[in-house]
Structures are given as structure tokens and as C-alpha cells.
Protein backbone atom coordinates (compact mmCIF):
# COMPACT_ATOMS: atom_id res chain seq x y z
CA MET A 1 -4.28 -20.57 34.14
CA SER A 2 -5.39 -24.12 33.38
CA ASP A 3 -8.35 -22.87 31.35
CA VAL A 4 -6.02 -21.16 28.87
CA GLU A 5 -5.51 -23.07 25.63
CA GLN A 6 -1.83 -23.04 24.65
CA HIS A 7 -0.43 -22.97 21.10
CA GLU A 8 2.95 -22.04 19.71
CA VAL A 9 1.39 -19.98 16.91
CA VAL A 10 -2.02 -18.36 16.55
CA ILE A 11 -2.99 -16.92 13.16
CA ILE A 12 -5.97 -14.56 13.01
CA GLY A 13 -7.52 -14.88 9.58
CA ALA A 14 -8.32 -18.00 7.52
CA GLY A 15 -7.89 -16.30 4.16
CA ALA A 16 -5.18 -16.69 1.52
CA ALA A 17 -2.26 -15.35 3.56
CA GLY A 18 -3.35 -16.93 6.84
CA LEU A 19 -3.80 -20.43 5.39
CA MET A 20 -0.50 -20.19 3.52
CA CYS A 21 1.29 -19.15 6.69
CA ALA A 22 -0.38 -21.94 8.65
CA ALA A 23 0.74 -24.59 6.18
CA SER A 24 4.26 -23.13 6.03
CA ALA A 25 4.64 -23.02 9.83
CA GLY A 26 2.97 -26.40 10.35
CA GLN A 27 5.40 -28.02 7.95
CA ARG A 28 8.19 -26.83 10.25
CA GLY A 29 6.56 -28.75 13.08
CA ARG A 30 5.04 -25.73 14.80
CA ASP A 31 1.78 -26.13 16.74
CA VAL A 32 -0.52 -23.78 14.81
CA LEU A 33 -4.09 -22.65 15.39
CA VAL A 34 -5.92 -20.50 12.81
CA VAL A 35 -8.98 -18.59 14.02
CA ASP A 36 -11.47 -16.58 11.98
CA HIS A 37 -14.78 -14.87 12.74
CA ALA A 38 -16.26 -16.15 9.47
CA ARG A 39 -18.19 -19.41 9.26
CA LYS A 40 -16.20 -20.60 6.24
CA PRO A 41 -12.50 -20.25 5.41
CA GLY A 42 -11.19 -18.45 2.34
CA ASN A 43 -14.29 -16.48 1.38
CA LYS A 44 -12.40 -14.13 -0.95
CA ILE A 45 -10.66 -17.07 -2.59
CA ARG A 46 -14.05 -18.64 -3.35
CA MET A 47 -15.48 -15.57 -5.07
CA SER A 48 -12.33 -14.33 -6.82
CA GLY A 49 -11.86 -14.31 -10.57
CA GLY A 50 -15.54 -14.88 -11.21
CA GLY A 51 -15.27 -18.16 -9.31
CA LYS A 52 -12.13 -19.23 -11.20
CA CYS A 53 -9.51 -17.60 -8.92
CA ASN A 54 -6.78 -15.61 -10.66
CA PHE A 55 -4.27 -17.16 -8.27
CA THR A 56 -1.02 -15.64 -9.60
CA ASN A 57 0.66 -14.22 -12.70
CA HIS A 58 3.46 -15.52 -14.90
CA SER A 59 5.28 -12.21 -14.50
CA VAL A 60 5.61 -10.86 -10.94
CA ASP A 61 7.82 -7.95 -9.98
CA ALA A 62 7.94 -5.24 -7.34
CA GLU A 63 6.82 -2.84 -10.10
CA ASN A 64 3.39 -4.50 -9.91
CA TYR A 65 2.83 -3.27 -6.35
CA LEU A 66 2.14 0.03 -4.58
CA SER A 67 3.50 0.84 -1.14
CA HIS A 68 4.94 3.76 0.78
CA ASN A 69 8.04 1.52 0.87
CA PRO A 70 8.24 0.19 -2.71
CA HIS A 71 11.20 -2.07 -1.91
CA PHE A 72 9.58 -3.90 1.00
CA CYS A 73 7.80 -6.59 -1.04
CA LYS A 74 10.93 -7.65 -2.96
CA SER A 75 12.32 -10.02 -0.35
CA ALA A 76 9.17 -12.10 0.11
CA LEU A 77 8.38 -12.16 -3.62
CA HIS A 78 11.89 -13.41 -4.39
CA ARG A 79 11.91 -16.08 -1.68
CA TYR A 80 8.50 -17.54 -2.49
CA THR A 81 7.84 -16.88 -6.17
CA GLN A 82 4.94 -17.42 -8.54
CA TRP A 83 6.80 -20.52 -9.77
CA ASP A 84 6.78 -21.97 -6.26
CA PHE A 85 3.03 -21.53 -6.03
CA ILE A 86 2.50 -22.92 -9.53
CA ALA A 87 4.52 -25.98 -8.48
CA LEU A 88 2.17 -26.40 -5.51
CA VAL A 89 -0.85 -26.16 -7.81
CA ASP A 90 0.72 -28.76 -10.11
CA LYS A 91 1.47 -31.04 -7.14
CA HIS A 92 -2.25 -31.08 -6.34
CA GLY A 93 -3.17 -31.73 -9.97
CA ILE A 94 -5.24 -28.58 -10.35
CA PRO A 95 -5.85 -27.74 -14.03
CA PHE A 96 -5.37 -24.07 -14.92
CA HIS A 97 -4.96 -21.80 -17.91
CA GLU A 98 -3.33 -18.50 -18.83
CA ARG A 99 -5.30 -15.46 -19.95
CA ASP A 100 -4.16 -12.01 -21.12
CA HIS A 101 -1.20 -10.39 -19.40
CA GLY A 102 0.04 -13.64 -17.84
CA GLN A 103 -2.95 -14.11 -15.54
CA LEU A 104 -3.42 -17.70 -14.34
CA PHE A 105 -6.92 -19.03 -13.56
CA CYS A 106 -8.32 -22.37 -12.44
CA ASP A 107 -10.00 -24.34 -15.23
CA ASN A 108 -12.72 -25.58 -12.90
CA SER A 109 -13.30 -23.62 -9.70
CA SER A 110 -11.61 -21.31 -7.22
CA LYS A 111 -12.57 -23.93 -4.64
CA ASP A 112 -9.69 -26.03 -6.02
CA ILE A 113 -7.19 -23.49 -4.62
CA LEU A 114 -8.99 -23.32 -1.27
CA ASP A 115 -9.18 -27.12 -1.00
CA MET A 116 -5.46 -27.29 -1.80
CA LEU A 117 -4.58 -24.87 1.01
CA LEU A 118 -6.84 -26.69 3.48
CA ALA A 119 -5.24 -30.01 2.48
CA GLU A 120 -1.77 -28.53 3.02
CA CYS A 121 -2.84 -27.28 6.45
CA GLU A 122 -4.34 -30.64 7.38
CA GLN A 123 -1.22 -32.48 6.26
CA ALA A 124 0.88 -30.10 8.37
CA GLY A 125 -1.28 -30.73 11.44
CA THR A 126 -2.67 -27.20 11.58
CA ALA A 127 -5.96 -26.61 13.41
CA ILE A 128 -8.56 -24.20 12.00
CA ARG A 129 -11.36 -22.85 14.17
CA LEU A 130 -14.14 -20.76 12.64
CA GLY A 131 -16.80 -18.47 14.08
CA VAL A 132 -14.30 -17.12 16.63
CA GLU A 133 -14.41 -13.45 17.57
CA VAL A 134 -11.15 -12.11 19.02
CA GLU A 135 -12.22 -9.67 21.73
CA ALA A 136 -8.89 -8.63 23.26
CA ILE A 137 -5.16 -9.16 22.77
CA GLU A 138 -2.58 -8.73 25.52
CA ARG A 139 1.17 -9.10 25.16
CA LEU A 140 2.99 -10.70 28.06
CA GLU A 141 6.12 -9.14 29.54
CA ALA A 142 8.10 -12.29 28.87
CA GLY A 143 6.87 -12.41 25.28
CA GLY A 144 3.91 -14.12 23.70
CA PHE A 145 0.25 -13.17 23.80
CA ILE A 146 -3.02 -13.86 25.57
CA LEU A 147 -6.13 -13.68 23.37
CA THR A 148 -9.61 -13.40 24.82
CA THR A 149 -12.07 -14.83 22.30
CA SER A 150 -15.73 -15.72 22.06
CA GLN A 151 -14.69 -19.34 22.47
CA GLY A 152 -12.28 -19.05 25.37
CA VAL A 153 -8.80 -17.78 26.18
CA LEU A 154 -5.80 -18.60 23.98
CA ALA A 155 -2.08 -18.22 24.63
CA CYS A 156 0.65 -18.27 22.00
CA GLU A 157 4.34 -17.57 21.49
CA SER A 158 3.83 -15.97 18.06
CA LEU A 159 0.78 -14.08 16.82
CA VAL A 160 0.10 -13.54 13.11
CA ILE A 161 -2.40 -10.95 11.89
CA ALA A 162 -3.77 -12.11 8.54
CA SER A 163 -7.18 -10.47 8.83
CA GLY A 164 -7.10 -8.70 5.46
CA GLY A 165 -8.25 -5.20 4.57
CA GLN A 166 -11.65 -3.54 4.36
CA SER A 167 -12.63 -4.43 0.80
CA ILE A 168 -15.98 -6.22 0.30
CA PRO A 169 -17.42 -5.87 3.83
CA THR A 170 -20.25 -8.26 2.93
CA MET A 171 -17.56 -10.98 2.96
CA GLY A 172 -16.68 -10.07 6.54
CA ALA A 173 -13.90 -7.54 5.90
CA SER A 174 -13.12 -5.22 8.82
CA PRO A 175 -10.42 -2.86 10.14
CA PHE A 176 -9.48 -5.42 12.83
CA GLY A 177 -5.84 -5.76 11.76
CA TYR A 178 -5.29 -2.00 11.70
CA LYS A 179 -6.64 -1.71 15.24
CA VAL A 180 -4.22 -4.39 16.43
CA ALA A 181 -1.31 -2.53 14.84
CA GLU A 182 -2.38 0.74 16.46
CA GLN A 183 -2.80 -1.00 19.83
CA PHE A 184 0.89 -1.88 19.69
CA GLY A 185 2.04 1.53 18.47
CA ILE A 186 2.54 0.55 14.85
CA ARG A 187 1.73 3.14 12.22
CA VAL A 188 -1.10 2.45 9.78
CA TRP A 189 -1.25 4.30 6.47
CA PRO A 190 -4.87 5.43 5.98
CA PRO A 191 -6.72 2.64 4.16
CA SER A 192 -8.80 3.29 1.05
CA ALA A 193 -10.53 1.27 -1.64
CA GLY A 194 -8.26 -0.08 -4.38
CA LEU A 195 -9.07 -1.73 -7.70
CA ALA A 196 -12.50 -0.12 -7.56
CA PRO A 197 -14.83 1.19 -10.32
CA PHE A 198 -15.32 4.94 -10.72
CA THR A 199 -18.60 6.73 -10.19
CA LEU A 200 -19.38 9.79 -12.34
CA ARG A 201 -20.53 13.30 -11.55
CA PRO A 202 -24.27 13.88 -12.17
CA ASP A 203 -23.85 15.55 -15.57
CA ASP A 204 -21.44 12.88 -16.82
CA LYS A 205 -23.59 10.13 -15.35
CA SER A 206 -26.71 11.28 -17.20
CA ARG A 207 -24.66 11.62 -20.39
CA PHE A 208 -22.95 8.22 -20.29
CA ALA A 209 -25.36 5.95 -18.37
CA PRO A 210 -27.13 5.00 -21.64
CA LEU A 211 -23.82 3.41 -22.72
CA SER A 212 -24.04 0.86 -19.89
CA GLY A 213 -22.70 -2.51 -21.01
CA ILE A 214 -20.38 -1.17 -23.71
CA ALA A 215 -16.72 -2.22 -23.36
CA VAL A 216 -13.94 -0.47 -25.27
CA ASP A 217 -10.22 -1.18 -25.55
CA SER A 218 -8.66 1.95 -24.05
CA ARG A 219 -5.56 3.46 -22.52
CA VAL A 220 -6.27 5.14 -19.17
CA SER A 221 -3.57 7.37 -17.71
CA ASN A 222 -2.71 9.88 -15.05
CA GLU A 223 0.59 11.38 -13.93
CA LEU A 224 1.59 8.20 -12.09
CA ALA A 225 0.57 5.31 -14.32
CA SER A 226 -0.95 4.18 -17.61
CA PHE A 227 -2.86 0.98 -18.42
CA ARG A 228 -4.24 -0.35 -21.68
CA GLU A 229 -7.14 -2.77 -21.31
CA ASN A 230 -10.91 -2.62 -21.65
CA ILE A 231 -13.04 -0.02 -19.93
CA LEU A 232 -16.69 -0.80 -19.24
CA PHE A 233 -19.48 1.78 -19.12
CA THR A 234 -21.91 1.07 -16.26
CA HIS A 235 -25.14 2.63 -14.98
CA ARG A 236 -23.14 4.42 -12.28
CA GLY A 237 -19.85 5.15 -13.99
CA LEU A 238 -16.86 3.31 -15.42
CA SER A 239 -15.39 -0.09 -14.63
CA GLY A 240 -13.34 -2.70 -16.49
CA PRO A 241 -9.70 -3.74 -16.04
CA ALA A 242 -8.09 -0.45 -17.13
CA ILE A 243 -10.28 1.57 -14.75
CA LEU A 244 -9.65 -0.80 -11.82
CA GLN A 245 -5.90 -0.61 -12.46
CA ILE A 246 -5.71 3.19 -12.61
CA SER A 247 -7.93 3.49 -9.51
CA ASN A 248 -4.97 2.30 -7.42
CA TYR A 249 -3.09 5.42 -8.53
CA TRP A 250 -6.01 7.87 -8.33
CA GLN A 251 -6.93 10.26 -5.53
CA PRO A 252 -10.30 12.03 -5.11
CA GLY A 253 -10.53 15.22 -7.14
CA GLU A 254 -7.96 14.12 -9.71
CA SER A 255 -8.72 13.55 -13.37
CA VAL A 256 -7.72 10.71 -15.67
CA THR A 257 -7.11 10.81 -19.42
CA ILE A 258 -8.70 8.11 -21.57
CA ASP A 259 -7.65 7.20 -25.11
CA LEU A 260 -10.62 5.32 -26.55
CA LEU A 261 -8.68 4.43 -29.71
CA PRO A 262 -5.20 3.39 -28.50
CA ALA A 263 -4.58 1.20 -31.56
CA ILE A 264 -4.83 3.98 -34.15
CA ASP A 265 -3.66 7.53 -34.71
CA LEU A 266 -7.08 8.90 -35.60
CA LEU A 267 -6.26 12.35 -37.04
CA PRO A 268 -4.05 11.14 -39.93
CA VAL A 269 -6.70 8.53 -40.76
CA LEU A 270 -9.43 11.18 -41.04
CA VAL A 271 -7.19 13.66 -42.90
CA GLU A 272 -6.09 11.00 -45.39
CA GLN A 273 -9.69 10.05 -46.16
CA GLN A 274 -10.62 13.71 -46.44
CA ARG A 275 -7.84 14.30 -48.97
CA ALA A 276 -8.82 11.15 -50.86
CA GLY A 277 -12.27 12.60 -51.35
CA VAL A 278 -14.08 9.91 -49.42
CA GLY A 279 -17.68 11.12 -49.39
CA LYS A 280 -18.70 9.53 -46.12
CA LYS A 281 -20.27 11.21 -43.14
CA LEU A 282 -18.18 11.66 -40.00
CA ARG A 283 -20.51 9.31 -38.05
CA THR A 284 -19.88 6.50 -40.56
CA LEU A 285 -16.11 6.86 -40.35
CA LEU A 286 -15.99 7.02 -36.56
CA SER A 287 -18.44 4.13 -36.17
CA ALA A 288 -16.00 1.94 -38.08
CA HIS A 289 -13.72 2.17 -35.05
CA LEU A 290 -16.07 2.66 -32.09
CA PRO A 291 -19.61 1.61 -31.12
CA LYS A 292 -22.13 3.91 -32.79
CA ARG A 293 -23.93 4.62 -29.50
CA LEU A 294 -20.67 5.83 -28.01
CA VAL A 295 -19.86 8.05 -30.98
CA ASP A 296 -23.31 9.65 -30.71
CA ARG A 297 -22.74 10.48 -27.03
CA PHE A 298 -19.38 12.16 -27.61
CA ILE A 299 -20.00 14.25 -30.73
CA ASP A 300 -22.85 16.62 -31.63
CA GLY A 301 -25.34 15.05 -34.01
CA GLN A 302 -25.18 17.88 -36.55
CA LEU A 303 -21.42 17.49 -36.85
CA LEU A 304 -21.69 13.71 -37.16
CA ALA A 305 -24.14 14.15 -40.04
CA MET A 306 -21.68 16.30 -42.01
CA GLY A 307 -19.58 14.89 -44.80
CA LEU A 308 -15.90 14.64 -44.06
CA GLN A 309 -15.12 17.06 -46.90
CA ASP A 310 -17.09 19.84 -45.20
CA ILE A 311 -15.34 19.70 -41.82
CA PRO A 312 -12.41 22.09 -41.20
CA LEU A 313 -9.14 20.65 -39.93
CA ALA A 314 -9.48 22.45 -36.58
CA THR A 315 -12.85 20.80 -36.03
CA LEU A 316 -11.42 17.39 -36.91
CA GLN A 317 -8.64 17.99 -34.37
CA SER A 318 -11.26 18.76 -31.73
CA VAL A 319 -13.14 15.57 -32.59
CA VAL A 320 -9.95 13.52 -32.28
CA GLN A 321 -9.23 15.13 -28.92
CA GLN A 322 -12.60 13.89 -27.65
CA PHE A 323 -11.69 10.27 -28.35
CA LYS A 324 -7.90 10.22 -27.97
CA ALA A 325 -7.62 12.42 -24.86
CA TRP A 326 -10.95 12.29 -23.04
CA LYS A 327 -10.26 14.05 -19.74
CA LEU A 328 -12.55 12.81 -17.00
CA THR A 329 -12.79 13.75 -13.33
CA PRO A 330 -14.58 10.91 -11.51
CA ASN A 331 -17.02 11.77 -8.77
CA GLY A 332 -15.46 9.05 -6.63
CA SER A 333 -15.05 5.29 -6.53
CA GLU A 334 -17.53 2.56 -5.67
CA GLY A 335 -15.56 2.20 -2.43
CA TYR A 336 -15.09 -0.91 -0.34
CA ARG A 337 -18.42 -2.35 -1.50
CA THR A 338 -16.88 -3.59 -4.74
CA ALA A 339 -13.14 -2.87 -4.26
CA GLU A 340 -10.98 -5.91 -4.87
CA VAL A 341 -8.28 -4.80 -2.46
CA THR A 342 -7.43 -2.18 0.18
CA ARG A 343 -4.74 0.43 -0.37
CA GLY A 344 -2.70 1.52 2.63
CA GLY A 345 -2.40 -0.50 5.82
CA VAL A 346 0.30 -1.48 8.30
CA ASP A 347 3.45 0.54 7.71
CA CYS A 348 6.11 -1.60 6.03
CA ASP A 349 8.87 0.39 7.72
CA ALA A 350 7.66 -1.03 11.03
CA LEU A 351 8.06 -4.60 9.79
CA SER A 352 10.99 -6.83 8.84
CA SER A 353 10.88 -7.52 5.10
CA LYS A 354 12.51 -10.90 5.82
CA THR A 355 10.22 -12.21 8.57
CA LEU A 356 7.14 -9.92 8.34
CA ALA A 357 7.46 -9.44 12.11
CA ALA A 358 7.10 -6.06 13.81
CA ARG A 359 10.58 -4.64 14.39
CA GLU A 360 9.78 -3.60 17.95
CA ILE A 361 7.66 -6.69 18.74
CA PRO A 362 9.39 -9.65 17.05
CA ASP A 363 6.69 -12.19 17.98
CA LEU A 364 3.92 -10.18 16.23
CA PHE A 365 3.56 -10.69 12.47
CA PHE A 366 1.46 -8.96 9.77
CA ILE A 367 0.88 -10.59 6.38
CA GLY A 368 -1.25 -10.24 3.28
CA GLU A 369 -3.66 -7.42 2.55
CA VAL A 370 -3.46 -5.87 6.03
CA VAL A 371 0.07 -4.69 5.11
CA ASP A 372 0.68 -1.56 3.02
CA VAL A 373 1.39 -3.59 -0.13
CA THR A 374 -1.23 -3.36 -2.88
CA GLY A 375 -0.93 -5.31 -6.11
CA TRP A 376 -2.25 -4.67 -9.57
CA LEU A 377 -5.23 -6.55 -10.93
CA GLY A 378 -4.08 -9.86 -12.38
CA GLY A 379 -3.18 -12.27 -9.58
CA TYR A 380 -0.65 -10.01 -7.86
CA ASN A 381 -2.52 -9.62 -4.58
CA PHE A 382 -2.87 -13.38 -4.21
CA GLN A 383 0.85 -13.78 -4.94
CA TRP A 384 1.61 -11.28 -2.17
CA ALA A 385 -0.60 -13.35 0.15
CA TRP A 386 1.26 -16.56 -0.76
CA SER A 387 4.71 -14.97 -0.53
CA SER A 388 4.20 -13.02 2.69
CA GLY A 389 2.36 -15.94 4.31
CA TRP A 390 5.02 -18.47 3.42
CA CYS A 391 7.87 -16.23 4.54
CA ALA A 392 6.27 -15.45 7.92
CA GLY A 393 5.60 -19.18 8.33
CA GLN A 394 9.34 -19.78 8.26
CA TYR A 395 9.88 -17.62 11.36
CA VAL A 396 6.84 -17.81 13.62
């Protein structure tokens, strides 16, 4: 088979996890080839964080991740930490800054992170080949793999699947990695869109669409989780950090509860002003805490025009309920079109948490988003890519 190109390691996917794994393995002296169907490497890195790349978080813990095996991510996160990646960023002289909740962003451009990874790969002697479609994968009886691609046949001792999930298909996302897992008898938890905006039911959409562009500090909760950050009203529904976060814990048909005034206990405020004889209308008092357009959409105009003195306590309690415990059943999510990550994926129980290799096929590795590990918004998914990629790179 002289026309077969031999490598010790082939990595499918030139994204965050794949490039990290390539650099890690190359630094060990392994002969590594990265292939990707895209024409450019690291597309999601380029567009992330509004072009500034939220590359990790100052505080990273297993609690920041969802998985059917919540303990699986601990090993990789502890062996290659956020501090290790920050040290790498510092080594390359990339300026960055911290935003709310410990999120770290590039000062200049997300391209700085991509260029850093490519430089690490180049220094480690790793080859990257783009525009390559992998058409078939065959495992040899003696171990190793034969890959039939659009650019010839490849052979390798270790194969790493770093092809990502299905979020943002316009960036080239596909279910490729899940199909590889299923080909080799590895369970895949059904994938779904994560960190995605909500769409609203027709009646709610017509009611709230005029609020498009308004952002409000809120606490959004369901039975599994609670997040306090901004929500953003859109033409189609709700977005913003708090909505994206809770979407990871939401299933179709379920409702969420939204506190639009998490910083104040509204009822005592209204009752106190009522007792003090404040002669203001309800609209005026509520608009001191929330955008007037929003207040007008939530409460009947006749009630808003009433003076506080004329409103019974039971009615005030109902008003407070509207803002402090708004119960909303989304119509759905925006799906993979805008989702930042994919929930579900390759079953962690089928993988070694130490090596990221398949337990039954120790020369087949799965890293990054293709695995059933989904991080919160805030740099956690990139940190999983760095950690899982680096750890696999130590064993391929």
C-alpha cells in the first residue's frame, strides 16, 4: 500500500480542541496530521465572543458543565487548568481583560488565540491540511486506522475525533463525530442546541416583539438551575446571557420563571409608598425600576393610570407577581442556527476520563464539543476544548 500516507496520529477537526491536541501531541515528538473539511482552521474561534474570544474563565469547576456523567470532566479540567492556558496566552504576549463573572477576552482579536494555537502546532512540527473530506474510516485488526479522504488514503496508529457538534451549521458544523462513534458501537446521547435563544408562542410573540432591543437585569430559573444576568427581548423571543444559560437546562414544553427585578423586593416598596401617602400613579413608580415600554406591556393601562392609594393590596400583589415571577413557556429555541454549543454527544461512560480514548478501542479518541460535556456561557466550552485536547495529546 505504497500510496497510503502514514502518520502516527491523525486528528479530524482543526478547531479549538483539535489544534490543542495537535500541539500537545507534537510536543511529545509524535508525527501528527490534522485534517478538516473547512477551508480555514478555527472558524468558531474567529467568530467567538463578538470577535474577541472568551477563551476561558478565572473560575472553572465541574459545576459549570452538564453531562450524563457529571464527574467525567473533572480529570481533564484538573490536569490542564485555566491557569495553564492563561500562561500560554501570556507566553505569546496576547493582551486580554476580565469581564463580569470571571470571563477572559482578548483585547484585540480572537485571531490572536487562533494564531497562538497555529504557532504552537508549527513549532511542534504538526501538519494541518484543509479542505479534506473524510469519506470512510476503517479500523485494522492489528490496531490503527485507514482513512479514505477526498485527498487520498491515510493510515494512523491513533485517531482523534475533534469535529465538534452541530451548532452553527453555516460554520461547517455537522454530525460527523457522532456517526464515527456509532460506527464503532459507541453510544451517543441525542444532541440538541445549547446556549440558544428562546422563541415565543404566537400570542407572546405579538405581545413582546415591540420590546425588541430592551435588556433587563433578571433572574431566570427552572427546577434545575438559576442564573442572574441580562435578558434581551428580540423580534422572535428572548435572548441575552441569562436566557442562553438557562437554555442548557431547559427541555421543550417546560416553563421558566423570570424575576425582572432581582435587586429589589417590590411589594414592600410599593406598600411602604402607599402607606406614606405618595400620590404617584402606579406607572410612574414601576417605571422608576423598569423601562416604561416594558411596564406598559405587562400591566393593563387602566391599572397603571391609577394612583397607588386607590389600588387594593391583592391587586398590588398580582402586579408584583407579574414582574417578580413571570412564568413563561417558550415555543422552542432558535436551534443550531444560533446555538453556541451542542448538548449531548459521545457518551462519557464509553471513554477514559484520563486519556479521552474509547474504552473498547484505545486508539480512538474523542475530544471537545463532540463529547457529552457542555459548559456554561463564559469561556467554559473553550476551556473544555483546551483541557480535553491537551490531555488526549499526552496519550495519542
